[in-house]
N, C-alpha and C. Protein backbone atom coordinates (compact mmCIF):
# COMPACT_ATOMS: atom_id res chain seq x y z
N LYS A 1 50.09 126.51 118.72
CA LYS A 1 51.57 126.90 118.30
C LYS A 1 51.72 125.99 117.00
N LYS A 2 52.60 126.83 116.18
CA LYS A 2 53.14 126.35 114.97
C LYS A 2 54.17 125.33 115.05
N GLY A 3 54.30 124.24 114.34
CA GLY A 3 55.45 123.28 114.71
C GLY A 3 56.38 123.67 113.53
N GLY A 4 57.42 122.82 113.67
CA GLY A 4 58.62 123.13 112.75
C GLY A 4 59.58 121.92 112.83
N GLY A 5 60.55 122.03 111.77
CA GLY A 5 61.52 120.97 111.78
C GLY A 5 62.84 121.45 111.06
N LEU A 6 63.90 120.72 111.17
CA LEU A 6 65.18 120.93 110.87
C LEU A 6 65.77 119.83 110.14
N VAL A 7 66.16 120.13 108.75
CA VAL A 7 66.89 119.22 107.94
C VAL A 7 68.34 119.60 107.84
N PHE A 8 69.17 118.76 108.32
CA PHE A 8 70.70 119.19 108.24
C PHE A 8 71.40 118.19 107.50
N ALA A 9 71.92 118.83 106.33
CA ALA A 9 72.63 118.07 105.41
C ALA A 9 74.10 118.52 105.06
N GLY A 10 75.16 117.88 104.73
CA GLY A 10 76.40 118.49 104.45
C GLY A 10 77.45 117.37 103.97
N GLY A 11 78.58 117.92 103.73
CA GLY A 11 79.65 117.04 103.34
C GLY A 11 80.76 117.08 104.33
N GLU A 12 82.01 117.04 103.64
CA GLU A 12 83.20 116.90 104.46
C GLU A 12 83.56 118.33 105.18
N LYS A 13 83.11 119.43 104.54
CA LYS A 13 83.40 120.68 105.05
C LYS A 13 82.23 121.21 105.98
N SER A 14 81.12 120.28 106.32
CA SER A 14 80.22 120.90 107.12
C SER A 14 80.30 119.90 108.71
N PHE A 15 80.45 118.69 108.23
CA PHE A 15 80.50 117.97 109.50
C PHE A 15 82.00 117.87 110.24
N GLY A 16 82.03 117.78 111.53
CA GLY A 16 83.26 117.63 112.05
C GLY A 16 84.24 118.81 112.24
N PRO A 17 85.52 118.62 112.42
CA PRO A 17 86.38 119.85 112.69
C PRO A 17 86.33 120.69 111.52
N GLY A 18 86.35 122.12 111.75
CA GLY A 18 86.27 122.96 110.81
C GLY A 18 84.91 123.44 110.12
N GLY A 19 83.95 122.59 110.63
CA GLY A 19 82.52 122.73 110.30
C GLY A 19 81.67 123.07 111.39
N TRP A 20 80.54 122.42 111.53
CA TRP A 20 79.44 122.82 112.60
C TRP A 20 80.00 122.01 113.95
N GLY A 21 80.92 121.22 113.90
CA GLY A 21 81.37 120.57 115.20
C GLY A 21 81.78 121.65 116.32
N GLN A 22 81.26 121.27 117.60
CA GLN A 22 81.62 122.23 118.68
C GLN A 22 80.79 123.52 118.52
N THR A 23 79.73 123.51 118.00
CA THR A 23 78.91 124.85 117.98
C THR A 23 77.66 124.65 118.61
N TYR A 24 76.91 125.64 118.85
CA TYR A 24 75.58 125.55 119.47
C TYR A 24 74.61 124.56 118.64
N LEU A 25 74.62 124.50 117.23
CA LEU A 25 73.87 123.68 116.52
C LEU A 25 74.17 122.17 117.01
N GLU A 26 75.25 121.87 117.26
CA GLU A 26 75.78 120.28 117.61
C GLU A 26 75.41 120.23 119.04
N ARG A 27 75.56 121.07 119.89
CA ARG A 27 75.43 120.89 121.21
C ARG A 27 73.90 120.93 121.75
N GLU A 28 73.11 121.62 121.25
CA GLU A 28 71.81 121.86 121.57
C GLU A 28 70.66 121.42 120.69
N VAL A 29 71.07 121.35 119.41
CA VAL A 29 69.86 121.11 118.43
C VAL A 29 70.08 119.49 117.93
N LEU A 30 71.10 119.19 117.43
CA LEU A 30 71.23 117.99 116.78
C LEU A 30 71.27 116.83 117.66
N PRO A 31 70.57 115.74 117.18
CA PRO A 31 70.59 114.47 118.09
C PRO A 31 71.83 113.75 118.01
N VAL A 32 72.87 114.17 117.23
CA VAL A 32 74.04 113.33 117.20
C VAL A 32 75.24 114.14 117.34
N ARG A 33 76.40 113.60 117.54
CA ARG A 33 77.67 114.22 117.56
C ARG A 33 78.36 114.50 116.25
N LEU A 34 79.13 115.36 116.09
CA LEU A 34 79.54 115.53 114.76
C LEU A 34 81.09 115.25 114.68
N ASP A 35 81.79 115.09 115.91
CA ASP A 35 83.15 114.72 115.95
C ASP A 35 83.45 113.19 115.48
N VAL A 36 84.71 112.85 115.55
CA VAL A 36 85.16 111.32 115.04
C VAL A 36 84.86 110.64 116.48
N GLN A 37 84.08 109.57 116.29
CA GLN A 37 84.00 108.48 117.36
C GLN A 37 84.78 107.25 117.19
N ARG A 38 85.08 106.97 118.10
CA ARG A 38 85.97 105.59 118.08
C ARG A 38 85.59 104.43 118.95
N LYS A 39 85.46 103.26 118.47
CA LYS A 39 85.42 102.16 119.18
C LYS A 39 86.73 101.85 119.85
N GLN A 40 86.59 101.02 121.01
CA GLN A 40 87.82 100.80 121.78
C GLN A 40 88.98 100.12 121.04
N ASP A 41 88.70 99.32 119.87
CA ASP A 41 89.65 98.57 119.33
C ASP A 41 90.08 99.42 117.98
N THR A 42 89.78 100.50 117.91
CA THR A 42 90.27 101.38 116.69
C THR A 42 91.57 101.97 117.08
N PRO A 43 92.55 102.25 116.07
CA PRO A 43 93.80 102.70 116.43
C PRO A 43 93.86 104.05 117.16
N ASN A 44 94.82 104.33 117.88
CA ASN A 44 95.29 105.71 118.42
C ASN A 44 96.00 106.25 117.57
N LEU A 45 95.99 107.69 117.80
CA LEU A 45 96.91 108.53 116.68
C LEU A 45 97.92 109.19 117.57
N ALA A 46 99.27 109.11 117.05
CA ALA A 46 100.39 110.00 117.57
C ALA A 46 100.78 110.78 116.22
N LEU A 47 100.59 112.10 116.53
CA LEU A 47 100.92 113.00 115.44
C LEU A 47 102.02 114.00 115.77
N MET A 48 102.98 114.03 114.93
CA MET A 48 104.18 115.24 115.23
C MET A 48 103.98 116.17 114.08
N LEU A 49 103.89 117.43 114.47
CA LEU A 49 103.93 118.47 113.64
C LEU A 49 105.38 119.12 113.37
N VAL A 50 106.03 119.18 112.29
CA VAL A 50 107.21 119.74 112.13
C VAL A 50 107.32 121.07 111.21
N ILE A 51 107.50 122.11 112.06
CA ILE A 51 107.08 123.44 111.47
C ILE A 51 108.35 124.19 111.43
N ASP A 52 108.61 124.78 110.11
CA ASP A 52 109.69 125.58 109.82
C ASP A 52 109.63 126.93 110.44
N ARG A 53 110.51 127.31 111.34
CA ARG A 53 110.56 128.60 111.96
C ARG A 53 111.82 129.51 111.52
N SER A 54 112.37 129.19 110.29
CA SER A 54 113.52 129.91 109.87
C SER A 54 113.16 131.40 109.44
N GLY A 55 114.12 132.13 109.37
CA GLY A 55 113.90 133.53 109.04
C GLY A 55 112.97 133.81 107.92
N SER A 56 112.86 133.07 106.97
CA SER A 56 111.97 133.30 105.88
C SER A 56 110.42 133.18 106.16
N MET A 57 110.32 132.41 107.30
CA MET A 57 108.79 132.33 107.88
C MET A 57 108.33 133.56 108.72
N ALA A 58 109.17 134.35 108.94
CA ALA A 58 108.87 135.49 109.83
C ALA A 58 107.58 136.25 109.18
N GLY A 59 106.66 136.89 110.06
CA GLY A 59 105.58 137.67 109.89
C GLY A 59 104.36 136.83 109.67
N PRO A 60 103.56 137.05 108.56
CA PRO A 60 102.20 136.31 108.40
C PRO A 60 102.38 134.82 108.42
N LYS A 61 103.42 134.24 107.75
CA LYS A 61 103.66 132.83 107.60
C LYS A 61 103.74 132.18 108.96
N MET A 62 104.47 132.80 109.86
CA MET A 62 104.71 132.23 111.15
C MET A 62 103.48 132.34 111.91
N GLU A 63 102.68 133.34 111.93
CA GLU A 63 101.44 133.49 112.80
C GLU A 63 100.42 132.44 112.17
N LEU A 64 100.31 132.43 110.77
CA LEU A 64 99.42 131.53 110.23
C LEU A 64 99.74 129.92 110.59
N ALA A 65 101.01 129.64 110.63
CA ALA A 65 101.41 128.35 111.05
C ALA A 65 101.12 128.04 112.55
N LYS A 66 101.26 128.97 113.28
CA LYS A 66 100.79 128.87 114.67
C LYS A 66 99.14 128.76 114.87
N GLN A 67 98.49 129.37 113.95
CA GLN A 67 97.03 129.20 113.97
C GLN A 67 96.62 127.73 113.52
N GLY A 68 97.41 127.36 112.56
CA GLY A 68 97.32 125.89 112.07
C GLY A 68 97.43 125.02 112.92
N ALA A 69 98.47 125.11 113.73
CA ALA A 69 98.88 124.11 114.83
C ALA A 69 97.84 123.98 115.81
N ILE A 70 97.10 125.35 116.23
CA ILE A 70 96.06 125.35 117.19
C ILE A 70 94.77 124.51 116.51
N ALA A 71 94.65 125.03 115.30
CA ALA A 71 93.61 124.42 114.64
C ALA A 71 93.64 122.64 114.69
N THR A 72 94.87 122.30 114.44
CA THR A 72 95.14 120.81 114.35
C THR A 72 94.84 120.26 115.88
N LEU A 73 95.05 120.98 116.72
CA LEU A 73 94.97 120.51 118.07
C LEU A 73 93.32 120.30 118.34
N GLY A 74 92.60 121.17 117.84
CA GLY A 74 91.05 121.14 117.88
C GLY A 74 90.61 120.00 117.10
N ALA A 75 91.23 119.48 116.16
CA ALA A 75 90.77 118.36 115.49
C ALA A 75 91.07 116.98 116.07
N LEU A 76 91.65 116.97 117.09
CA LEU A 76 92.17 115.56 117.71
C LEU A 76 91.25 115.31 118.84
N GLN A 77 91.30 114.06 119.16
CA GLN A 77 90.48 113.52 120.27
C GLN A 77 91.38 113.58 121.63
N PRO A 78 90.93 113.77 122.60
CA PRO A 78 91.67 114.04 123.99
C PRO A 78 92.79 112.92 124.06
N ASP A 79 92.48 111.70 123.80
CA ASP A 79 93.52 110.71 123.98
C ASP A 79 94.58 110.57 122.89
N ASP A 80 94.46 111.30 121.80
CA ASP A 80 95.57 111.47 120.78
C ASP A 80 96.72 111.90 121.40
N LEU A 81 97.94 111.66 120.74
CA LEU A 81 99.12 112.36 121.16
C LEU A 81 99.60 113.28 120.07
N LEU A 82 99.97 114.49 120.61
CA LEU A 82 100.43 115.51 119.58
C LEU A 82 101.92 115.95 120.19
N GLY A 83 102.77 116.15 119.43
CA GLY A 83 104.04 116.75 119.48
C GLY A 83 104.19 117.82 118.40
N ILE A 84 105.17 118.80 118.73
CA ILE A 84 105.41 119.92 117.73
C ILE A 84 106.91 120.08 117.95
N CYS A 85 107.61 120.06 116.64
CA CYS A 85 108.81 120.33 116.55
C CYS A 85 109.13 121.59 115.66
N ALA A 86 109.69 122.63 116.10
CA ALA A 86 109.84 123.76 115.44
C ALA A 86 111.31 123.82 114.97
N PHE A 87 111.78 124.07 113.69
CA PHE A 87 113.09 123.89 113.32
C PHE A 87 113.68 124.95 112.38
N ASP A 88 114.84 125.31 112.52
CA ASP A 88 115.58 126.22 111.69
C ASP A 88 116.86 125.26 111.24
N SER A 89 117.80 125.69 111.75
CA SER A 89 119.15 125.06 111.50
C SER A 89 119.32 123.78 112.22
N ARG A 90 118.51 123.76 113.29
CA ARG A 90 118.63 122.67 114.28
C ARG A 90 117.12 122.45 114.79
N PRO A 91 116.60 121.22 115.07
CA PRO A 91 115.24 120.93 115.57
C PRO A 91 115.28 121.46 117.05
N GLY A 92 113.97 122.04 117.31
CA GLY A 92 113.82 122.40 118.68
C GLY A 92 112.32 121.74 119.30
N GLU A 93 112.34 121.33 120.34
CA GLU A 93 111.04 120.70 120.93
C GLU A 93 110.28 121.85 121.48
N LEU A 94 109.03 122.18 120.73
CA LEU A 94 108.10 123.14 121.04
C LEU A 94 107.14 122.55 121.96
N VAL A 95 106.72 121.31 121.57
CA VAL A 95 105.58 120.67 122.44
C VAL A 95 106.21 119.20 122.50
N SER A 96 106.48 118.54 123.72
CA SER A 96 106.84 117.14 123.81
C SER A 96 105.60 116.36 123.50
N LEU A 97 105.81 115.11 122.99
CA LEU A 97 104.59 114.31 122.63
C LEU A 97 103.69 114.11 123.87
N GLN A 98 102.42 114.65 123.74
CA GLN A 98 101.58 114.50 124.79
C GLN A 98 100.12 114.38 124.43
N ARG A 99 99.16 114.07 125.38
CA ARG A 99 97.88 113.81 125.08
C ARG A 99 97.29 115.30 124.68
N ALA A 100 96.53 115.25 123.66
CA ALA A 100 95.73 116.45 123.29
C ALA A 100 94.88 117.12 124.39
N ALA A 101 94.49 116.45 125.21
CA ALA A 101 93.67 116.89 126.14
C ALA A 101 94.41 117.95 126.88
N ASN A 102 95.64 118.17 126.71
CA ASN A 102 96.48 119.29 127.47
C ASN A 102 96.52 120.54 126.58
N ARG A 103 95.13 120.98 126.41
CA ARG A 103 95.08 121.98 125.18
C ARG A 103 95.60 123.26 125.67
N LEU A 104 95.39 123.71 126.92
CA LEU A 104 95.94 124.91 127.50
C LEU A 104 97.41 125.09 127.22
N ARG A 105 98.07 123.93 127.93
CA ARG A 105 99.58 123.87 127.83
C ARG A 105 100.13 123.99 126.47
N ILE A 106 99.50 123.11 125.49
CA ILE A 106 100.05 123.20 124.16
C ILE A 106 99.77 124.41 123.38
N THR A 107 98.60 125.18 123.59
CA THR A 107 98.33 126.30 123.01
C THR A 107 99.28 127.52 123.47
N GLU A 108 99.49 127.47 124.83
CA GLU A 108 100.50 128.47 125.46
C GLU A 108 101.85 128.31 124.75
N ALA A 109 102.29 127.04 124.63
CA ALA A 109 103.70 126.61 124.03
C ALA A 109 103.74 127.23 122.53
N VAL A 110 102.65 126.97 121.74
CA VAL A 110 102.56 127.30 120.42
C VAL A 110 102.70 128.91 120.29
N SER A 111 101.93 129.67 121.09
CA SER A 111 101.84 131.23 121.07
C SER A 111 103.32 131.69 121.25
N ARG A 112 104.28 131.09 121.82
CA ARG A 112 105.68 131.46 122.07
C ARG A 112 106.83 131.27 120.85
N LEU A 113 106.18 130.56 119.89
CA LEU A 113 107.04 130.28 118.66
C LEU A 113 107.49 131.57 117.99
N ARG A 114 108.81 131.66 117.73
CA ARG A 114 109.32 132.69 117.01
C ARG A 114 110.14 132.24 115.80
N SER A 115 110.44 133.13 115.01
CA SER A 115 111.30 132.83 113.74
C SER A 115 112.45 133.21 113.80
N GLY A 116 113.48 132.48 113.04
CA GLY A 116 114.83 132.99 112.93
C GLY A 116 115.82 131.71 112.73
N GLY A 117 116.84 131.90 111.69
CA GLY A 117 117.85 130.99 111.45
C GLY A 117 117.50 130.46 110.06
N GLY A 118 118.32 129.20 109.82
CA GLY A 118 118.46 128.59 108.44
C GLY A 118 117.21 127.35 108.42
N THR A 119 117.50 126.48 107.61
CA THR A 119 116.56 125.42 107.34
C THR A 119 117.27 124.07 107.39
N ASN A 120 117.03 123.14 107.99
CA ASN A 120 117.50 121.89 108.02
C ASN A 120 116.40 120.76 108.32
N VAL A 121 115.95 120.27 107.19
CA VAL A 121 114.57 119.42 107.23
C VAL A 121 115.01 118.04 107.76
N PHE A 122 116.31 117.52 107.34
CA PHE A 122 116.77 116.21 107.94
C PHE A 122 116.68 116.08 109.54
N ALA A 123 117.37 117.02 110.15
CA ALA A 123 117.48 117.08 111.43
C ALA A 123 116.05 117.13 112.16
N ALA A 124 115.06 117.93 111.73
CA ALA A 124 113.71 118.04 112.09
C ALA A 124 112.89 116.73 111.86
N LEU A 125 113.16 116.16 110.75
CA LEU A 125 112.19 114.88 110.52
C LEU A 125 112.99 113.62 111.36
N ASP A 126 114.14 113.66 111.41
CA ASP A 126 114.78 112.61 112.36
C ASP A 126 114.38 112.87 113.82
N TYR A 127 114.40 113.85 114.36
CA TYR A 127 113.65 114.20 115.68
C TYR A 127 112.32 113.60 115.82
N ALA A 128 111.55 113.99 115.01
CA ALA A 128 110.15 113.56 115.02
C ALA A 128 110.06 111.89 114.89
N TYR A 129 110.76 111.50 113.74
CA TYR A 129 110.69 109.99 113.69
C TYR A 129 111.24 109.41 115.04
N ASN A 130 112.22 109.87 115.55
CA ASN A 130 112.69 109.21 117.02
C ASN A 130 111.57 109.32 117.98
N GLU A 131 110.90 110.52 118.11
CA GLU A 131 109.85 110.74 119.22
C GLU A 131 108.82 109.82 118.94
N LEU A 132 108.24 109.51 117.68
CA LEU A 132 107.23 108.57 117.36
C LEU A 132 107.51 107.30 117.74
N SER A 133 108.87 106.82 117.44
CA SER A 133 109.39 105.56 117.71
C SER A 133 109.27 105.04 119.10
N LYS A 134 109.28 106.04 119.99
CA LYS A 134 109.19 105.83 121.35
C LYS A 134 107.89 105.43 122.09
N VAL A 135 106.73 105.74 121.28
CA VAL A 135 105.41 105.70 121.86
C VAL A 135 104.60 104.54 121.18
N GLU A 136 103.51 103.99 121.95
CA GLU A 136 102.80 102.86 121.51
C GLU A 136 101.66 103.60 120.85
N ALA A 137 101.43 103.43 119.53
CA ALA A 137 100.32 104.00 118.83
C ALA A 137 99.99 103.22 117.53
N LYS A 138 98.84 103.12 117.20
CA LYS A 138 98.64 102.28 115.91
C LYS A 138 98.70 103.15 114.69
N ILE A 139 98.61 104.48 114.75
CA ILE A 139 98.70 105.34 113.66
C ILE A 139 99.72 106.29 114.04
N LYS A 140 100.75 106.33 113.50
CA LYS A 140 101.84 107.44 113.59
C LYS A 140 102.15 108.17 112.34
N HIS A 141 101.96 109.56 112.59
CA HIS A 141 101.94 110.61 111.38
C HIS A 141 102.83 111.63 111.66
N ILE A 142 103.40 112.12 110.50
CA ILE A 142 104.27 113.43 110.69
C ILE A 142 103.72 114.18 109.68
N ILE A 143 103.65 115.47 109.94
CA ILE A 143 103.40 116.65 108.82
C ILE A 143 104.38 117.69 108.93
N VAL A 144 105.18 117.71 107.90
CA VAL A 144 106.33 118.80 107.90
C VAL A 144 105.75 120.05 106.97
N LEU A 145 106.01 121.15 107.57
CA LEU A 145 105.70 122.52 106.87
C LEU A 145 106.95 123.41 106.63
N THR A 146 107.22 123.65 105.42
CA THR A 146 108.40 124.56 105.16
C THR A 146 108.23 125.47 104.14
N ASP A 147 108.74 126.50 104.03
CA ASP A 147 108.93 127.52 102.81
C ASP A 147 110.21 127.74 102.13
N GLY A 148 111.18 126.78 102.60
CA GLY A 148 112.67 127.04 102.16
C GLY A 148 113.22 125.76 101.43
N GLN A 149 114.49 125.87 101.30
CA GLN A 149 115.34 124.90 100.69
C GLN A 149 116.16 124.18 101.79
N SER A 150 116.46 122.89 101.46
CA SER A 150 117.23 122.31 102.48
C SER A 150 118.13 121.15 102.00
N PRO A 151 119.35 120.84 102.54
CA PRO A 151 120.22 120.00 101.86
C PRO A 151 119.32 118.57 101.96
N ARG A 152 119.57 117.87 100.84
CA ARG A 152 118.75 116.58 100.83
C ARG A 152 119.33 115.33 101.35
N ALA A 153 120.63 115.43 101.89
CA ALA A 153 121.37 114.25 102.22
C ALA A 153 120.56 113.51 103.42
N GLY A 154 120.27 112.26 103.14
CA GLY A 154 119.68 111.30 104.15
C GLY A 154 118.13 111.49 104.31
N ILE A 155 117.57 112.51 103.65
CA ILE A 155 115.97 112.81 103.94
C ILE A 155 115.24 111.65 103.39
N ILE A 156 115.46 111.22 102.22
CA ILE A 156 114.62 110.19 101.49
C ILE A 156 114.83 108.81 102.22
N GLU A 157 116.11 108.58 102.67
CA GLU A 157 116.54 107.49 103.19
C GLU A 157 115.69 107.32 104.47
N LEU A 158 115.53 108.49 105.33
CA LEU A 158 114.88 108.41 106.60
C LEU A 158 113.34 108.19 106.39
N ALA A 159 112.82 108.84 105.02
CA ALA A 159 111.47 108.82 104.97
C ALA A 159 111.20 107.24 104.56
N SER A 160 112.13 106.62 104.03
CA SER A 160 111.99 105.20 103.37
C SER A 160 111.91 104.32 104.81
N GLN A 161 112.69 104.53 105.70
CA GLN A 161 112.79 103.88 106.94
C GLN A 161 111.57 104.19 107.70
N ALA A 162 111.06 105.40 107.81
CA ALA A 162 109.99 105.67 108.46
C ALA A 162 108.61 104.86 107.87
N ALA A 163 108.61 104.47 106.70
CA ALA A 163 107.65 103.96 106.00
C ALA A 163 107.68 102.31 106.33
N LEU A 164 108.96 101.85 106.42
CA LEU A 164 108.93 100.64 106.89
C LEU A 164 108.54 100.38 108.46
N ASP A 165 108.78 101.39 109.14
CA ASP A 165 108.14 101.44 110.52
C ASP A 165 106.69 101.79 110.78
N ARG A 166 106.09 101.95 109.72
CA ARG A 166 104.74 102.36 109.71
C ARG A 166 104.37 103.79 110.27
N ILE A 167 105.25 104.70 109.75
CA ILE A 167 105.16 106.00 110.18
C ILE A 167 105.24 106.83 108.89
N THR A 168 103.90 107.39 108.74
CA THR A 168 103.76 108.19 107.45
C THR A 168 104.12 109.72 107.57
N ILE A 169 104.39 110.13 106.49
CA ILE A 169 104.69 111.60 106.49
C ILE A 169 104.16 112.29 105.49
N SER A 170 103.53 113.41 105.78
CA SER A 170 102.97 114.27 104.73
C SER A 170 103.70 115.66 104.63
N SER A 171 103.60 116.34 103.68
CA SER A 171 104.33 117.61 103.42
C SER A 171 103.57 118.64 102.96
N ILE A 172 103.94 119.87 103.33
CA ILE A 172 103.33 121.15 102.87
C ILE A 172 104.25 122.01 102.50
N ALA A 173 104.28 122.45 101.24
CA ALA A 173 105.37 123.41 100.50
C ALA A 173 104.53 124.72 100.62
N VAL A 174 105.30 125.83 101.11
CA VAL A 174 104.66 127.10 101.16
C VAL A 174 105.50 128.05 100.37
N GLY A 175 104.91 128.50 99.12
CA GLY A 175 105.55 129.48 98.46
C GLY A 175 106.54 128.94 97.23
N MET A 176 106.92 129.70 96.39
CA MET A 176 107.64 129.41 95.16
C MET A 176 109.18 129.05 95.67
N GLY A 177 109.61 129.68 96.76
CA GLY A 177 110.89 129.34 97.26
C GLY A 177 111.08 127.97 97.93
N SER A 178 110.01 127.33 98.31
CA SER A 178 110.07 126.17 98.90
C SER A 178 110.62 124.84 97.91
N ASP A 179 111.34 123.90 98.52
CA ASP A 179 111.70 122.72 97.77
C ASP A 179 110.76 121.77 97.32
N GLU A 180 109.83 122.23 96.39
CA GLU A 180 108.75 121.34 95.99
C GLU A 180 109.00 119.98 95.75
N ALA A 181 110.08 119.71 94.89
CA ALA A 181 110.68 118.24 94.58
C ALA A 181 110.99 117.50 95.61
N LEU A 182 111.65 118.11 96.75
CA LEU A 182 111.97 117.37 97.92
C LEU A 182 110.83 117.06 98.74
N LEU A 183 109.96 118.00 99.02
CA LEU A 183 108.87 117.65 99.71
C LEU A 183 107.89 116.64 99.13
N ARG A 184 107.75 116.70 97.88
CA ARG A 184 106.93 115.61 97.21
C ARG A 184 107.54 114.41 97.35
N ASP A 185 108.77 114.34 97.20
CA ASP A 185 109.47 112.81 97.30
C ASP A 185 109.34 112.42 98.79
N ILE A 186 109.31 113.20 99.68
CA ILE A 186 109.23 112.86 101.11
C ILE A 186 107.91 112.12 101.26
N ALA A 187 106.86 112.91 100.81
CA ALA A 187 105.30 112.41 100.90
C ALA A 187 105.12 111.16 100.17
N GLU A 188 105.79 110.93 98.92
CA GLU A 188 105.55 109.69 98.18
C GLU A 188 106.18 108.66 98.77
N THR A 189 107.40 108.82 99.44
CA THR A 189 108.10 107.66 99.98
C THR A 189 107.72 107.25 101.02
N ALA A 190 107.15 108.20 101.94
CA ALA A 190 106.61 107.77 103.24
C ALA A 190 105.12 107.61 103.34
N GLY A 191 104.45 107.44 102.23
CA GLY A 191 102.92 107.23 102.01
C GLY A 191 102.20 108.29 102.63
N GLY A 192 102.53 109.38 102.57
CA GLY A 192 101.65 110.59 103.12
C GLY A 192 101.15 111.27 101.84
N ASN A 193 100.60 112.46 102.19
CA ASN A 193 100.05 113.49 101.15
C ASN A 193 101.07 114.79 100.79
N TYR A 194 101.03 115.26 99.77
CA TYR A 194 101.91 116.39 99.53
C TYR A 194 100.92 117.57 99.21
N TYR A 195 101.18 118.84 99.57
CA TYR A 195 100.34 119.98 99.19
C TYR A 195 101.35 121.09 98.98
N PHE A 196 100.88 121.92 98.10
CA PHE A 196 101.61 123.10 97.72
C PHE A 196 100.46 124.28 97.84
N THR A 197 101.13 125.39 98.49
CA THR A 197 100.45 126.59 98.43
C THR A 197 101.25 127.89 98.20
N ASN A 198 100.72 128.75 97.44
CA ASN A 198 101.45 129.99 97.27
C ASN A 198 100.89 131.04 98.10
N SER A 199 99.85 130.64 98.93
CA SER A 199 99.07 131.75 99.79
C SER A 199 99.36 131.30 101.12
N PRO A 200 100.02 132.03 101.90
CA PRO A 200 100.17 131.86 103.37
C PRO A 200 98.83 131.67 104.11
N GLN A 201 97.74 132.26 103.63
CA GLN A 201 96.43 132.17 104.36
C GLN A 201 95.98 130.93 104.28
N SER A 202 96.45 129.98 103.36
CA SER A 202 95.94 128.56 103.27
C SER A 202 96.56 127.55 104.23
N ILE A 203 97.56 128.05 105.00
CA ILE A 203 98.05 127.26 105.89
C ILE A 203 97.61 126.47 106.88
N PRO A 204 96.49 127.26 107.75
CA PRO A 204 95.66 126.60 108.82
C PRO A 204 94.69 125.52 108.00
N ALA A 205 94.07 125.84 106.96
CA ALA A 205 93.20 124.89 106.37
C ALA A 205 93.85 123.72 105.68
N LEU A 206 95.05 123.87 105.27
CA LEU A 206 95.71 122.66 104.95
C LEU A 206 96.37 121.61 106.04
N LEU A 207 96.71 122.23 107.16
CA LEU A 207 97.03 121.56 108.50
C LEU A 207 95.83 120.90 108.97
N LEU A 208 94.80 121.58 109.04
CA LEU A 208 93.55 120.88 109.39
C LEU A 208 92.96 119.80 108.53
N LYS A 209 92.96 120.10 107.05
CA LYS A 209 92.63 119.01 106.18
C LYS A 209 93.51 117.93 106.34
N GLU A 210 94.77 117.96 106.42
CA GLU A 210 95.58 116.70 106.59
C GLU A 210 95.30 116.03 107.95
N THR A 211 95.20 116.78 109.17
CA THR A 211 94.96 116.16 110.28
C THR A 211 93.62 115.42 110.24
N SER A 212 92.58 116.00 109.58
CA SER A 212 91.40 115.43 109.52
C SER A 212 91.39 114.05 108.43
N GLU A 213 92.35 114.01 107.61
CA GLU A 213 92.47 112.96 106.73
C GLU A 213 93.08 111.78 107.69
N VAL A 214 94.04 111.98 108.60
CA VAL A 214 94.53 110.93 109.46
C VAL A 214 93.48 110.59 110.35
N THR A 215 92.79 111.37 111.02
CA THR A 215 91.77 111.05 112.02
C THR A 215 90.66 110.28 111.31
N ARG A 216 90.29 110.49 109.96
CA ARG A 216 89.15 109.89 109.42
C ARG A 216 89.62 108.20 109.23
N LYS A 217 90.77 107.81 109.42
CA LYS A 217 91.04 106.50 109.36
C LYS A 217 90.30 105.58 110.55
N ALA A 218 90.12 106.45 111.57
CA ALA A 218 89.50 105.88 112.79
C ALA A 218 87.91 106.14 112.87
N LEU A 219 87.26 106.74 111.69
CA LEU A 219 85.89 107.00 111.56
C LEU A 219 85.02 105.95 111.72
N VAL A 220 84.11 105.95 112.67
CA VAL A 220 83.03 105.04 113.02
C VAL A 220 81.76 105.54 112.38
N GLU A 221 81.07 104.96 111.36
CA GLU A 221 79.89 105.37 110.88
C GLU A 221 78.76 104.82 111.35
N ASP A 222 77.67 105.55 111.87
CA ASP A 222 76.53 104.95 112.58
C ASP A 222 75.30 105.87 111.96
């Protein structure tokens, strides 16, 4: 019989969520796991997704945001906490902050997300901030995604308070109609990352990229 071997090499787009993680290659061929491994003394993650569901998000943007939320869920460890706030003029609890192990329950809730209404970023961020303030987690993070304009009153002050409480906020601006300056200021004030895309098709990849950035803080290299 002829012998053979396998050399597997790659970077951040190959290993882990979004790459070869959870595929046949990982399960049956490779002698190592590709997902993030944690020691017992590493931080737990509590993540809130704040997703714009206003009327301007109707259609492909809404469907892609839902895909992105589900992709984010797949990047988390079972003991991580995930909550989702869908907002228009008012915030609405789509998924209460809970363990990512509840994948079926969370996925079903995301599938029911519909668009309609105006845009109020402050109320949604305030909701997410208060939810994270109630839980014990060493890493607390918010990702806000919107394609619209919002009144600025109180938003930067809230982001500043979140930073003092060790809650970081990243923002994703979708399209030229989004308030890019506001979303950039939120991320800079709260110690997060700012992203802009003019292509709705990039929404899932950006949500997954940002989630992977946060989970990488707990990466253990062996």
